[in-house]
Amino acid sequence: MSNYTKSTNFAVKDGLSAGTAAKRVRGTEIDDEYNAIAVAVATKANINNTALTGVPTAPTAAVAVNTTQLATTAYVKTNIAAIPALTAAAVNALAYPVGSIYTSVVSTNPNSLLGVGSWSAMGQGRVLMGAGGSYGAGSQGGTATETLSIAQIPSHNHGYTGQFGDSDADGGSDRSSSVGAANSHPIITGLNVRGGGQAHNNLQPYLVVYMWKRTS
């Protein structure tokens, strides 16, 4: 990029005496001036779609300026230096904000592993469930084993056996006997009772881990 410098002082010629050779304006002088102007214009940056060369410079904006002003390398360097160091602890603090749950198969407190926050063990003997509906976040419920009540047992029949019965499973075809008045024939019957009333396992397939909640 070059600047235009006028090489002929035309105003000086006006003050010269008439007939002086230097007072005349020659075509070559005018041509040289226009050529110099053309070169200067051609090497200037365009307003639109400028492609700068060399080492262009610009004024450096103040720190944290948020305008359309150009950002020089000095401005960028100064603002980068003002950014807090992005440490592993800072990254972990963003990944595990307060209220986050951390799971692991080792019992080490997450503060020792992540370098951030205070953590409390939680959920011993429990699995996680998504919050929603009648299940509020932080609520607990469920049991590891369950003993069914009478209302929870499926509807069913019990067969019986007897002296004159055929031991049909539901008693539908068992026969009765007519006993004469002068004779005594006891009929012995009994229900086929099954079941011990024990609690049954109520657990889904599981993987045991340590669970921690970040509290601060």
N, C-alpha and C. Protein backbone atom coordinates (compact mmCIF):
# COMPACT_ATOMS: atom_id res chain seq x y z
N MET A 1 0.85 -1.17 0.00
CA MET A 1 0.00 0.00 0.00
C MET A 1 0.90 1.24 0.00
N SER A 2 0.65 2.14 -0.93
CA SER A 2 1.47 3.36 -1.02
C SER A 2 0.59 4.59 -0.99
N ASN A 3 1.16 5.68 -0.55
CA ASN A 3 0.47 6.96 -0.53
C ASN A 3 0.85 7.79 -1.75
N TYR A 4 -0.07 8.63 -2.18
CA TYR A 4 0.21 9.52 -3.34
C TYR A 4 0.96 10.75 -2.86
N THR A 5 2.06 11.02 -3.50
CA THR A 5 2.85 12.23 -3.22
C THR A 5 2.94 13.07 -4.49
N LYS A 6 2.47 14.29 -4.42
CA LYS A 6 2.49 15.19 -5.59
C LYS A 6 3.93 15.56 -5.91
N SER A 7 4.33 15.35 -7.17
CA SER A 7 5.72 15.63 -7.57
C SER A 7 5.90 17.00 -8.23
N THR A 8 4.83 17.62 -8.72
CA THR A 8 4.91 18.94 -9.39
C THR A 8 4.17 19.97 -8.57
N ASN A 9 4.85 21.13 -8.32
CA ASN A 9 4.22 22.22 -7.59
C ASN A 9 3.66 23.21 -8.60
N PHE A 10 2.42 22.97 -8.97
CA PHE A 10 1.81 23.83 -9.99
C PHE A 10 1.59 25.24 -9.49
N ALA A 11 1.33 25.42 -8.19
CA ALA A 11 1.08 26.76 -7.67
C ALA A 11 2.31 27.66 -7.79
N VAL A 12 3.51 27.06 -7.67
CA VAL A 12 4.75 27.86 -7.79
C VAL A 12 4.89 28.45 -9.19
N LYS A 13 4.43 27.68 -10.19
CA LYS A 13 4.53 28.16 -11.57
C LYS A 13 3.75 29.45 -11.79
N ASP A 14 2.65 29.60 -11.03
CA ASP A 14 1.85 30.82 -11.21
C ASP A 14 2.63 32.07 -10.83
N GLY A 15 3.58 31.97 -9.92
CA GLY A 15 4.34 33.14 -9.47
C GLY A 15 5.56 33.46 -10.33
N LEU A 16 5.86 32.65 -11.30
CA LEU A 16 7.01 32.89 -12.17
C LEU A 16 6.68 33.93 -13.23
N SER A 17 7.71 34.57 -13.74
CA SER A 17 7.53 35.62 -14.76
C SER A 17 7.06 35.00 -16.06
N ALA A 18 6.29 35.79 -16.81
CA ALA A 18 5.82 35.33 -18.10
C ALA A 18 6.99 35.05 -19.01
N GLY A 19 6.91 34.03 -19.77
CA GLY A 19 7.97 33.65 -20.69
C GLY A 19 9.00 32.74 -20.07
N THR A 20 8.95 32.57 -18.73
CA THR A 20 9.90 31.67 -18.10
C THR A 20 9.52 30.24 -18.47
N ALA A 21 10.52 29.46 -18.83
CA ALA A 21 10.26 28.09 -19.28
C ALA A 21 9.61 27.25 -18.19
N ALA A 22 10.01 27.47 -16.94
CA ALA A 22 9.47 26.68 -15.85
C ALA A 22 8.02 27.00 -15.55
N LYS A 23 7.53 28.15 -16.11
CA LYS A 23 6.15 28.55 -15.85
C LYS A 23 5.16 27.67 -16.63
N ARG A 24 5.66 27.04 -17.66
CA ARG A 24 4.78 26.23 -18.50
C ARG A 24 4.45 24.88 -17.80
N VAL A 25 3.24 24.47 -17.99
CA VAL A 25 2.82 23.16 -17.50
C VAL A 25 2.91 22.18 -18.66
N ARG A 26 3.75 21.17 -18.48
CA ARG A 26 3.98 20.21 -19.54
C ARG A 26 3.03 19.01 -19.39
N GLY A 27 2.74 18.40 -20.49
CA GLY A 27 1.88 17.23 -20.48
C GLY A 27 2.48 16.08 -19.70
N THR A 28 3.80 15.97 -19.74
CA THR A 28 4.44 14.87 -18.99
C THR A 28 4.25 15.05 -17.49
N GLU A 29 4.24 16.34 -17.05
CA GLU A 29 4.03 16.58 -15.62
C GLU A 29 2.63 16.13 -15.20
N ILE A 30 1.66 16.49 -16.03
CA ILE A 30 0.28 16.09 -15.71
C ILE A 30 0.16 14.57 -15.78
N ASP A 31 0.79 13.95 -16.78
CA ASP A 31 0.72 12.51 -16.93
C ASP A 31 1.36 11.78 -15.75
N ASP A 32 2.53 12.31 -15.31
CA ASP A 32 3.19 11.70 -14.16
C ASP A 32 2.34 11.77 -12.90
N GLU A 33 1.64 12.90 -12.70
CA GLU A 33 0.80 13.05 -11.52
C GLU A 33 -0.36 12.06 -11.54
N TYR A 34 -1.02 11.96 -12.72
CA TYR A 34 -2.14 11.03 -12.81
C TYR A 34 -1.69 9.57 -12.65
N ASN A 35 -0.53 9.25 -13.18
CA ASN A 35 -0.01 7.89 -13.00
C ASN A 35 0.25 7.58 -11.52
N ALA A 36 0.83 8.58 -10.82
CA ALA A 36 1.10 8.40 -9.39
C ALA A 36 -0.20 8.22 -8.60
N ILE A 37 -1.21 9.02 -9.00
CA ILE A 37 -2.52 8.89 -8.33
C ILE A 37 -3.11 7.51 -8.59
N ALA A 38 -3.02 7.02 -9.83
CA ALA A 38 -3.57 5.72 -10.18
C ALA A 38 -2.90 4.60 -9.39
N VAL A 39 -1.56 4.69 -9.24
CA VAL A 39 -0.84 3.68 -8.47
C VAL A 39 -1.28 3.69 -7.00
N ALA A 40 -1.40 4.89 -6.44
CA ALA A 40 -1.80 5.00 -5.03
C ALA A 40 -3.20 4.45 -4.81
N VAL A 41 -4.13 4.77 -5.73
CA VAL A 41 -5.51 4.29 -5.59
C VAL A 41 -5.56 2.77 -5.72
N ALA A 42 -4.79 2.22 -6.64
CA ALA A 42 -4.83 0.78 -6.88
C ALA A 42 -4.25 -0.03 -5.72
N THR A 43 -3.40 0.59 -4.92
CA THR A 43 -2.77 -0.15 -3.82
C THR A 43 -3.43 0.12 -2.47
N LYS A 44 -4.52 0.88 -2.48
CA LYS A 44 -5.26 1.11 -1.23
C LYS A 44 -6.25 -0.04 -0.99
N ALA A 45 -6.60 -0.30 0.28
CA ALA A 45 -7.55 -1.36 0.61
C ALA A 45 -8.96 -0.93 0.25
N ASN A 46 -9.71 -1.87 -0.27
CA ASN A 46 -11.11 -1.60 -0.58
C ASN A 46 -11.93 -1.55 0.71
N ILE A 47 -13.04 -0.84 0.67
CA ILE A 47 -13.93 -0.79 1.83
C ILE A 47 -14.60 -2.15 2.03
N ASN A 48 -14.93 -2.83 0.93
CA ASN A 48 -15.63 -4.10 1.01
C ASN A 48 -14.72 -5.24 0.55
N ASN A 49 -14.74 -6.37 1.30
CA ASN A 49 -13.96 -7.56 0.95
C ASN A 49 -12.47 -7.26 0.82
N THR A 50 -11.94 -6.60 1.80
CA THR A 50 -10.53 -6.23 1.78
C THR A 50 -9.65 -7.45 2.07
N ALA A 51 -8.58 -7.59 1.29
CA ALA A 51 -7.58 -8.63 1.53
C ALA A 51 -6.27 -7.93 1.88
N LEU A 52 -5.99 -7.79 3.17
CA LEU A 52 -4.80 -7.07 3.60
C LEU A 52 -3.55 -7.94 3.44
N THR A 53 -2.43 -7.31 3.19
CA THR A 53 -1.14 -7.97 3.11
C THR A 53 -0.16 -7.29 4.03
N GLY A 54 1.00 -7.93 4.20
CA GLY A 54 2.01 -7.33 5.08
C GLY A 54 1.66 -7.52 6.53
N VAL A 55 1.94 -6.49 7.34
CA VAL A 55 1.65 -6.53 8.77
C VAL A 55 0.75 -5.35 9.11
N PRO A 56 -0.55 -5.47 8.84
CA PRO A 56 -1.46 -4.36 9.14
C PRO A 56 -1.60 -4.15 10.65
N THR A 57 -1.80 -2.93 11.06
CA THR A 57 -1.98 -2.59 12.47
C THR A 57 -3.29 -1.85 12.66
N ALA A 58 -3.74 -1.82 13.91
CA ALA A 58 -4.97 -1.12 14.26
C ALA A 58 -4.89 -0.72 15.72
N PRO A 59 -5.70 0.26 16.14
CA PRO A 59 -5.71 0.63 17.56
C PRO A 59 -6.20 -0.55 18.41
N THR A 60 -5.58 -0.70 19.58
CA THR A 60 -5.98 -1.79 20.48
C THR A 60 -7.11 -1.32 21.39
N ALA A 61 -8.21 -2.08 21.38
CA ALA A 61 -9.37 -1.73 22.21
C ALA A 61 -9.07 -1.97 23.68
N ALA A 62 -9.84 -1.30 24.54
CA ALA A 62 -9.70 -1.51 25.98
C ALA A 62 -10.18 -2.92 26.34
N VAL A 63 -9.72 -3.43 27.48
CA VAL A 63 -10.08 -4.77 27.92
C VAL A 63 -11.60 -4.89 28.06
N ALA A 64 -12.14 -6.01 27.57
CA ALA A 64 -13.56 -6.36 27.68
C ALA A 64 -14.47 -5.47 26.85
N VAL A 65 -13.92 -4.72 25.88
CA VAL A 65 -14.78 -3.95 24.97
C VAL A 65 -15.62 -4.93 24.15
N ASN A 66 -16.91 -4.63 24.02
CA ASN A 66 -17.82 -5.51 23.29
C ASN A 66 -18.53 -4.71 22.20
N THR A 67 -17.77 -4.36 21.16
CA THR A 67 -18.31 -3.58 20.04
C THR A 67 -17.83 -4.23 18.74
N THR A 68 -18.07 -3.54 17.62
CA THR A 68 -17.60 -4.03 16.32
C THR A 68 -16.17 -3.57 16.03
N GLN A 69 -15.52 -2.96 17.01
CA GLN A 69 -14.13 -2.55 16.82
C GLN A 69 -13.25 -3.78 16.59
N LEU A 70 -12.23 -3.62 15.72
CA LEU A 70 -11.34 -4.73 15.43
C LEU A 70 -10.58 -5.15 16.69
N ALA A 71 -10.40 -6.45 16.84
CA ALA A 71 -9.62 -6.99 17.95
C ALA A 71 -8.21 -7.28 17.47
N THR A 72 -7.24 -6.54 17.99
CA THR A 72 -5.85 -6.78 17.63
C THR A 72 -5.31 -7.97 18.40
N THR A 73 -4.12 -8.44 18.02
CA THR A 73 -3.51 -9.55 18.75
C THR A 73 -3.21 -9.14 20.19
N ALA A 74 -2.89 -7.87 20.41
CA ALA A 74 -2.64 -7.40 21.77
C ALA A 74 -3.91 -7.47 22.61
N TYR A 75 -5.06 -7.12 22.01
CA TYR A 75 -6.34 -7.19 22.72
C TYR A 75 -6.67 -8.63 23.09
N VAL A 76 -6.49 -9.54 22.15
CA VAL A 76 -6.80 -10.95 22.38
C VAL A 76 -5.92 -11.52 23.49
N LYS A 77 -4.63 -11.22 23.43
CA LYS A 77 -3.70 -11.74 24.42
C LYS A 77 -4.05 -11.24 25.82
N THR A 78 -4.41 -9.97 25.93
CA THR A 78 -4.74 -9.39 27.23
C THR A 78 -6.00 -10.03 27.81
N ASN A 79 -7.01 -10.26 26.97
CA ASN A 79 -8.26 -10.84 27.47
C ASN A 79 -8.11 -12.32 27.79
N ILE A 80 -7.28 -13.03 27.04
CA ILE A 80 -7.04 -14.44 27.36
C ILE A 80 -6.36 -14.56 28.72
N ALA A 81 -5.42 -13.65 28.98
CA ALA A 81 -4.72 -13.68 30.27
C ALA A 81 -5.67 -13.42 31.43
N ALA A 82 -6.78 -12.70 31.16
CA ALA A 82 -7.73 -12.39 32.23
C ALA A 82 -8.70 -13.53 32.51
N ILE A 83 -8.73 -14.56 31.66
CA ILE A 83 -9.63 -15.70 31.86
C ILE A 83 -9.05 -16.61 32.95
N PRO A 84 -9.86 -17.02 33.93
CA PRO A 84 -9.36 -17.92 34.98
C PRO A 84 -8.87 -19.24 34.37
N ALA A 85 -7.86 -19.80 34.97
CA ALA A 85 -7.31 -21.06 34.48
C ALA A 85 -8.37 -22.16 34.53
N LEU A 86 -8.52 -22.90 33.44
CA LEU A 86 -9.51 -23.96 33.36
C LEU A 86 -8.88 -25.25 33.90
N THR A 87 -8.95 -25.42 35.20
CA THR A 87 -8.36 -26.59 35.85
C THR A 87 -9.30 -27.78 35.77
N ALA A 88 -8.76 -28.95 36.10
CA ALA A 88 -9.59 -30.15 36.13
C ALA A 88 -10.71 -30.01 37.15
N ALA A 89 -10.42 -29.38 38.28
CA ALA A 89 -11.45 -29.18 39.30
C ALA A 89 -12.56 -28.29 38.79
N ALA A 90 -12.19 -27.26 38.00
CA ALA A 90 -13.22 -26.36 37.44
C ALA A 90 -14.12 -27.11 36.47
N VAL A 91 -13.52 -27.97 35.67
CA VAL A 91 -14.31 -28.77 34.73
C VAL A 91 -15.24 -29.72 35.49
N ASN A 92 -14.72 -30.37 36.53
CA ASN A 92 -15.53 -31.29 37.32
C ASN A 92 -16.66 -30.57 38.04
N ALA A 93 -16.41 -29.33 38.46
CA ALA A 93 -17.46 -28.55 39.13
C ALA A 93 -18.61 -28.27 38.18
N LEU A 94 -18.29 -28.07 36.91
CA LEU A 94 -19.34 -27.84 35.91
C LEU A 94 -20.07 -29.15 35.58
N ALA A 95 -19.32 -30.25 35.56
CA ALA A 95 -19.93 -31.55 35.22
C ALA A 95 -20.78 -32.08 36.36
N TYR A 96 -20.41 -31.75 37.61
CA TYR A 96 -21.13 -32.26 38.78
C TYR A 96 -21.56 -31.08 39.67
N PRO A 97 -22.61 -30.34 39.28
CA PRO A 97 -23.07 -29.24 40.13
C PRO A 97 -23.72 -29.78 41.41
N VAL A 98 -24.01 -28.89 42.33
CA VAL A 98 -24.66 -29.29 43.59
C VAL A 98 -25.97 -30.02 43.27
N GLY A 99 -26.19 -31.14 43.91
CA GLY A 99 -27.37 -31.97 43.66
C GLY A 99 -27.11 -33.13 42.73
N SER A 100 -25.90 -33.18 42.12
CA SER A 100 -25.57 -34.28 41.22
C SER A 100 -25.34 -35.57 41.99
N ILE A 101 -25.53 -36.69 41.30
CA ILE A 101 -25.27 -38.00 41.88
C ILE A 101 -24.09 -38.63 41.15
N TYR A 102 -23.16 -39.16 41.93
CA TYR A 102 -21.96 -39.80 41.39
C TYR A 102 -22.00 -41.27 41.80
N THR A 103 -21.78 -42.17 40.85
CA THR A 103 -21.78 -43.60 41.14
C THR A 103 -20.43 -44.21 40.79
N SER A 104 -20.03 -45.22 41.55
CA SER A 104 -18.74 -45.88 41.33
C SER A 104 -18.76 -47.24 42.01
N VAL A 105 -17.87 -48.12 41.58
CA VAL A 105 -17.74 -49.42 42.24
C VAL A 105 -16.63 -49.38 43.29
N VAL A 106 -16.05 -48.21 43.54
CA VAL A 106 -15.09 -48.04 44.63
C VAL A 106 -15.69 -47.08 45.64
N SER A 107 -15.28 -47.21 46.89
CA SER A 107 -15.91 -46.45 47.97
C SER A 107 -15.25 -45.10 48.24
N THR A 108 -14.30 -44.67 47.41
CA THR A 108 -13.60 -43.41 47.64
C THR A 108 -14.55 -42.23 47.51
N ASN A 109 -14.48 -41.30 48.45
CA ASN A 109 -15.31 -40.10 48.40
C ASN A 109 -15.00 -39.33 47.12
N PRO A 110 -16.01 -38.90 46.35
CA PRO A 110 -15.77 -38.20 45.08
C PRO A 110 -14.92 -36.94 45.21
N ASN A 111 -14.91 -36.31 46.39
CA ASN A 111 -14.07 -35.13 46.56
C ASN A 111 -12.61 -35.46 46.34
N SER A 112 -12.20 -36.65 46.76
CA SER A 112 -10.82 -37.07 46.57
C SER A 112 -10.52 -37.35 45.10
N LEU A 113 -11.54 -37.77 44.35
CA LEU A 113 -11.34 -38.11 42.95
C LEU A 113 -11.51 -36.91 42.03
N LEU A 114 -12.50 -36.06 42.34
CA LEU A 114 -12.83 -34.94 41.46
C LEU A 114 -12.22 -33.62 41.92
N GLY A 115 -11.86 -33.55 43.20
CA GLY A 115 -11.25 -32.33 43.72
C GLY A 115 -12.21 -31.18 43.89
N VAL A 116 -13.49 -31.47 44.04
CA VAL A 116 -14.47 -30.39 44.17
C VAL A 116 -15.67 -30.88 44.98
N GLY A 117 -16.25 -29.99 45.79
CA GLY A 117 -17.52 -30.23 46.45
C GLY A 117 -17.46 -31.08 47.70
N SER A 118 -18.58 -31.05 48.41
CA SER A 118 -18.79 -31.94 49.55
C SER A 118 -19.83 -32.97 49.15
N TRP A 119 -19.60 -34.23 49.53
CA TRP A 119 -20.45 -35.34 49.08
C TRP A 119 -20.90 -36.17 50.27
N SER A 120 -22.12 -36.67 50.19
CA SER A 120 -22.63 -37.57 51.22
C SER A 120 -23.11 -38.86 50.56
N ALA A 121 -22.80 -39.99 51.22
CA ALA A 121 -23.25 -41.29 50.70
C ALA A 121 -24.77 -41.35 50.76
N MET A 122 -25.37 -42.01 49.80
CA MET A 122 -26.83 -42.06 49.75
C MET A 122 -27.29 -43.37 49.11
N GLY A 123 -28.56 -43.66 49.29
CA GLY A 123 -29.23 -44.72 48.56
C GLY A 123 -28.76 -46.13 48.86
N GLN A 124 -28.20 -46.37 50.05
CA GLN A 124 -27.74 -47.73 50.35
C GLN A 124 -28.91 -48.71 50.24
N GLY A 125 -28.73 -49.78 49.45
CA GLY A 125 -29.76 -50.79 49.28
C GLY A 125 -30.92 -50.35 48.42
N ARG A 126 -30.75 -49.29 47.61
CA ARG A 126 -31.84 -48.80 46.79
C ARG A 126 -31.38 -48.60 45.34
N VAL A 127 -32.32 -48.64 44.42
CA VAL A 127 -32.04 -48.34 43.03
C VAL A 127 -32.61 -46.96 42.70
N LEU A 128 -32.15 -46.37 41.59
CA LEU A 128 -32.60 -45.04 41.20
C LEU A 128 -33.85 -45.14 40.33
N MET A 129 -34.73 -44.12 40.46
CA MET A 129 -35.95 -44.04 39.65
C MET A 129 -36.10 -42.61 39.16
N GLY A 130 -36.56 -42.45 37.92
CA GLY A 130 -36.77 -41.11 37.38
C GLY A 130 -37.92 -40.40 38.09
N ALA A 131 -37.74 -39.12 38.40
CA ALA A 131 -38.78 -38.33 39.07
C ALA A 131 -39.91 -38.02 38.09
N GLY A 132 -41.12 -37.96 38.62
CA GLY A 132 -42.27 -37.62 37.80
C GLY A 132 -43.53 -38.25 38.33
N GLY A 133 -44.68 -37.66 37.99
CA GLY A 133 -45.95 -38.19 38.47
C GLY A 133 -46.05 -38.14 39.98
N SER A 134 -46.37 -39.26 40.58
CA SER A 134 -46.49 -39.30 42.05
C SER A 134 -45.16 -39.56 42.73
N TYR A 135 -44.06 -39.62 41.95
CA TYR A 135 -42.74 -39.88 42.53
C TYR A 135 -41.91 -38.60 42.50
N GLY A 136 -41.85 -37.91 43.63
CA GLY A 136 -41.09 -36.68 43.73
C GLY A 136 -39.61 -36.94 43.91
N ALA A 137 -38.77 -36.04 43.38
CA ALA A 137 -37.32 -36.20 43.51
C ALA A 137 -36.92 -36.26 44.98
N GLY A 138 -36.12 -37.23 45.34
CA GLY A 138 -35.65 -37.39 46.71
C GLY A 138 -36.52 -38.30 47.57
N SER A 139 -37.71 -38.67 47.10
CA SER A 139 -38.57 -39.56 47.88
C SER A 139 -38.07 -41.00 47.79
N GLN A 140 -38.45 -41.81 48.77
CA GLN A 140 -38.01 -43.20 48.82
C GLN A 140 -39.21 -44.11 49.02
N GLY A 141 -39.06 -45.36 48.60
CA GLY A 141 -40.14 -46.32 48.77
C GLY A 141 -39.67 -47.69 48.33
N GLY A 142 -40.59 -48.65 48.33
CA GLY A 142 -40.28 -50.01 47.90
C GLY A 142 -39.70 -50.85 49.03
N THR A 143 -39.73 -52.16 48.85
CA THR A 143 -39.19 -53.11 49.82
C THR A 143 -38.38 -54.17 49.11
N ALA A 144 -37.39 -54.74 49.81
CA ALA A 144 -36.57 -55.79 49.22
C ALA A 144 -37.32 -57.11 49.16
N THR A 145 -38.19 -57.36 50.16
CA THR A 145 -39.01 -58.58 50.17
C THR A 145 -40.46 -58.18 50.41
N GLU A 146 -41.37 -59.07 50.07
CA GLU A 146 -42.80 -58.76 50.18
C GLU A 146 -43.55 -60.01 50.63
N THR A 147 -44.44 -59.85 51.61
CA THR A 147 -45.35 -60.92 52.02
C THR A 147 -46.75 -60.55 51.54
N LEU A 148 -47.35 -61.39 50.69
CA LEU A 148 -48.65 -61.08 50.12
C LEU A 148 -49.75 -61.18 51.16
N SER A 149 -50.68 -60.23 51.09
CA SER A 149 -51.87 -60.30 51.93
C SER A 149 -52.92 -61.16 51.23
N ILE A 150 -54.01 -61.47 51.93
CA ILE A 150 -55.08 -62.26 51.34
C ILE A 150 -55.63 -61.57 50.09
N ALA A 151 -55.75 -60.23 50.14
CA ALA A 151 -56.30 -59.49 49.01
C ALA A 151 -55.37 -59.53 47.80
N GLN A 152 -54.08 -59.77 48.04
CA GLN A 152 -53.12 -59.77 46.94
C GLN A 152 -52.95 -61.14 46.30
N ILE A 153 -53.47 -62.21 46.97
CA ILE A 153 -53.34 -63.56 46.43
C ILE A 153 -54.35 -63.75 45.30
N PRO A 154 -53.95 -64.32 44.16
CA PRO A 154 -54.91 -64.54 43.07
C PRO A 154 -56.07 -65.41 43.50
N SER A 155 -57.24 -65.13 42.94
CA SER A 155 -58.42 -65.93 43.24
C SER A 155 -58.21 -67.37 42.77
N HIS A 156 -58.60 -68.37 43.64
CA HIS A 156 -58.37 -69.77 43.30
C HIS A 156 -59.28 -70.66 44.16
N ASN A 157 -59.30 -71.95 43.83
CA ASN A 157 -60.09 -72.95 44.58
C ASN A 157 -59.16 -73.94 45.28
N HIS A 158 -59.67 -74.57 46.36
CA HIS A 158 -58.97 -75.65 47.04
C HIS A 158 -59.82 -76.94 46.93
N GLY A 159 -59.23 -78.02 46.41
CA GLY A 159 -59.92 -79.31 46.42
C GLY A 159 -59.85 -79.94 47.81
N TYR A 160 -60.61 -81.03 48.05
CA TYR A 160 -60.56 -81.72 49.34
C TYR A 160 -60.64 -83.23 49.09
N THR A 161 -60.21 -83.95 50.05
CA THR A 161 -60.29 -85.41 49.97
C THR A 161 -61.24 -85.92 51.06
N GLY A 162 -61.91 -87.02 50.79
CA GLY A 162 -62.85 -87.56 51.76
C GLY A 162 -63.04 -89.07 51.57
N GLN A 163 -63.76 -89.68 52.49
CA GLN A 163 -63.96 -91.13 52.45
C GLN A 163 -64.67 -91.55 51.17
N PHE A 164 -65.61 -90.70 50.73
CA PHE A 164 -66.37 -91.04 49.53
C PHE A 164 -66.01 -90.12 48.37
N GLY A 165 -64.93 -89.38 48.54
CA GLY A 165 -64.56 -88.46 47.46
C GLY A 165 -63.65 -89.09 46.44
N ASP A 166 -63.51 -88.50 45.30
CA ASP A 166 -62.60 -89.01 44.28
C ASP A 166 -61.35 -88.15 44.16
N SER A 167 -61.15 -87.27 45.15
CA SER A 167 -59.96 -86.40 45.21
C SER A 167 -59.83 -85.48 44.00
N ASP A 168 -60.96 -85.12 43.42
CA ASP A 168 -60.91 -84.18 42.30
C ASP A 168 -60.32 -82.85 42.79
N ALA A 169 -59.52 -82.20 41.97
CA ALA A 169 -58.78 -81.00 42.40
C ALA A 169 -59.68 -79.90 42.89
N ASP A 170 -60.84 -79.74 42.24
CA ASP A 170 -61.71 -78.65 42.67
C ASP A 170 -62.95 -79.15 43.41
N GLY A 171 -63.03 -80.44 43.65
CA GLY A 171 -64.17 -80.98 44.39
C GLY A 171 -65.44 -81.07 43.59
N GLY A 172 -65.36 -80.81 42.30
CA GLY A 172 -66.57 -80.74 41.50
C GLY A 172 -67.27 -82.08 41.31
N SER A 173 -66.52 -83.18 41.32
CA SER A 173 -67.14 -84.49 41.05
C SER A 173 -67.21 -85.37 42.29
N ASP A 174 -66.90 -84.84 43.47
CA ASP A 174 -66.92 -85.67 44.68
C ASP A 174 -68.36 -86.09 45.00
N ARG A 175 -68.47 -87.32 45.52
CA ARG A 175 -69.80 -87.88 45.78
C ARG A 175 -70.10 -87.87 47.30
N SER A 176 -71.35 -87.81 47.58
CA SER A 176 -71.79 -87.95 48.98
C SER A 176 -72.44 -89.32 49.16
N SER A 177 -72.60 -89.75 50.38
CA SER A 177 -73.18 -91.07 50.64
C SER A 177 -74.35 -90.94 51.60
N SER A 178 -75.36 -91.72 51.33
CA SER A 178 -76.52 -91.75 52.20
C SER A 178 -76.28 -92.78 53.32
N VAL A 179 -76.46 -92.37 54.54
CA VAL A 179 -76.20 -93.25 55.69
C VAL A 179 -77.55 -93.64 56.32
N GLY A 180 -77.73 -94.92 56.51
CA GLY A 180 -78.99 -95.39 57.11
C GLY A 180 -79.08 -94.98 58.58
N ALA A 181 -80.35 -94.93 59.04
CA ALA A 181 -80.57 -94.47 60.40
C ALA A 181 -79.99 -95.41 61.44
N ALA A 182 -79.95 -96.71 61.12
CA ALA A 182 -79.47 -97.67 62.11
C ALA A 182 -77.97 -97.85 62.07
N ASN A 183 -77.31 -97.16 61.18
CA ASN A 183 -75.85 -97.34 61.05
C ASN A 183 -75.11 -96.02 61.28
N SER A 184 -73.88 -96.13 61.68
CA SER A 184 -73.04 -94.95 61.88
C SER A 184 -71.83 -95.07 60.97
N HIS A 185 -71.75 -94.19 59.95
CA HIS A 185 -70.64 -94.19 58.99
C HIS A 185 -70.04 -92.78 58.92
N PRO A 186 -69.01 -92.48 59.69
CA PRO A 186 -68.43 -91.12 59.62
C PRO A 186 -67.79 -90.85 58.26
N ILE A 187 -67.95 -89.63 57.77
CA ILE A 187 -67.32 -89.18 56.51
C ILE A 187 -66.20 -88.22 56.87
N ILE A 188 -64.97 -88.58 56.54
CA ILE A 188 -63.80 -87.76 56.92
C ILE A 188 -63.35 -86.97 55.70
N THR A 189 -63.29 -85.68 55.84
CA THR A 189 -62.82 -84.81 54.74
C THR A 189 -61.71 -83.90 55.25
N GLY A 190 -60.92 -83.36 54.32
CA GLY A 190 -59.87 -82.40 54.69
C GLY A 190 -59.40 -81.61 53.48
N LEU A 191 -59.14 -80.33 53.64
CA LEU A 191 -58.65 -79.47 52.55
C LEU A 191 -57.18 -79.76 52.28
N ASN A 192 -56.79 -79.63 51.01
CA ASN A 192 -55.38 -79.78 50.63
C ASN A 192 -54.68 -78.43 50.76
N VAL A 193 -54.27 -78.10 51.94
CA VAL A 193 -53.67 -76.78 52.21
C VAL A 193 -52.23 -76.77 51.73
N ARG A 194 -51.82 -75.71 51.04
CA ARG A 194 -50.45 -75.54 50.57
C ARG A 194 -49.97 -74.10 50.89
N GLY A 195 -48.66 -73.92 50.92
CA GLY A 195 -48.09 -72.59 51.13
C GLY A 195 -47.64 -72.38 52.55
N GLY A 196 -46.52 -71.60 52.70
CA GLY A 196 -45.98 -71.38 54.02
C GLY A 196 -46.07 -69.94 54.50
N GLY A 197 -46.64 -69.04 53.67
CA GLY A 197 -46.80 -67.65 54.09
C GLY A 197 -45.51 -66.87 54.22
N GLN A 198 -44.44 -67.34 53.57
CA GLN A 198 -43.15 -66.68 53.67
C GLN A 198 -43.06 -65.47 52.73
N ALA A 199 -42.24 -64.48 53.12
CA ALA A 199 -42.00 -63.33 52.24
C ALA A 199 -41.18 -63.78 51.04
N HIS A 200 -41.44 -63.19 49.87
CA HIS A 200 -40.70 -63.55 48.66
C HIS A 200 -39.80 -62.40 48.23
N ASN A 201 -38.76 -62.74 47.46
CA ASN A 201 -37.80 -61.74 46.97
C ASN A 201 -38.51 -60.79 46.01
N ASN A 202 -38.28 -59.50 46.20
CA ASN A 202 -38.97 -58.48 45.40
C ASN A 202 -37.97 -57.62 44.63
N LEU A 203 -36.78 -58.15 44.37
CA LEU A 203 -35.71 -57.36 43.74
C LEU A 203 -35.62 -57.66 42.25
N GLN A 204 -35.41 -56.59 41.47
CA GLN A 204 -35.10 -56.75 40.06
C GLN A 204 -33.62 -57.08 39.92
N PRO A 205 -33.17 -57.58 38.75
CA PRO A 205 -31.74 -57.80 38.55
C PRO A 205 -30.97 -56.50 38.83
N TYR A 206 -29.87 -56.57 39.53
CA TYR A 206 -29.21 -55.36 39.98
C TYR A 206 -27.69 -55.45 39.88
N LEU A 207 -27.07 -54.28 39.92
CA LEU A 207 -25.62 -54.14 40.03
C LEU A 207 -25.35 -53.21 41.21
N VAL A 208 -24.58 -53.64 42.17
CA VAL A 208 -24.33 -52.86 43.37
C VAL A 208 -23.21 -51.87 43.13
N VAL A 209 -23.47 -50.59 43.41
CA VAL A 209 -22.47 -49.53 43.29
C VAL A 209 -22.56 -48.62 44.51
N TYR A 210 -21.55 -47.79 44.68
CA TYR A 210 -21.59 -46.74 45.70
C TYR A 210 -22.21 -45.50 45.07
N MET A 211 -23.11 -44.86 45.79
CA MET A 211 -23.77 -43.66 45.30
C MET A 211 -23.51 -42.50 46.25
N TRP A 212 -23.17 -41.34 45.65
CA TRP A 212 -22.88 -40.14 46.43
C TRP A 212 -23.68 -38.96 45.84
N LYS A 213 -24.10 -38.07 46.70
CA LYS A 213 -24.80 -36.86 46.28
C LYS A 213 -23.97 -35.65 46.68
N ARG A 214 -23.76 -34.72 45.72
CA ARG A 214 -23.01 -33.51 46.05
C ARG A 214 -23.92 -32.56 46.80
N THR A 215 -23.51 -32.15 47.98
CA THR A 215 -24.33 -31.30 48.84
C THR A 215 -23.89 -29.84 48.83
N SER A 216 -22.66 -29.57 48.46
CA SER A 216 -22.19 -28.17 48.41
C SER A 216 -20.98 -28.09 47.49
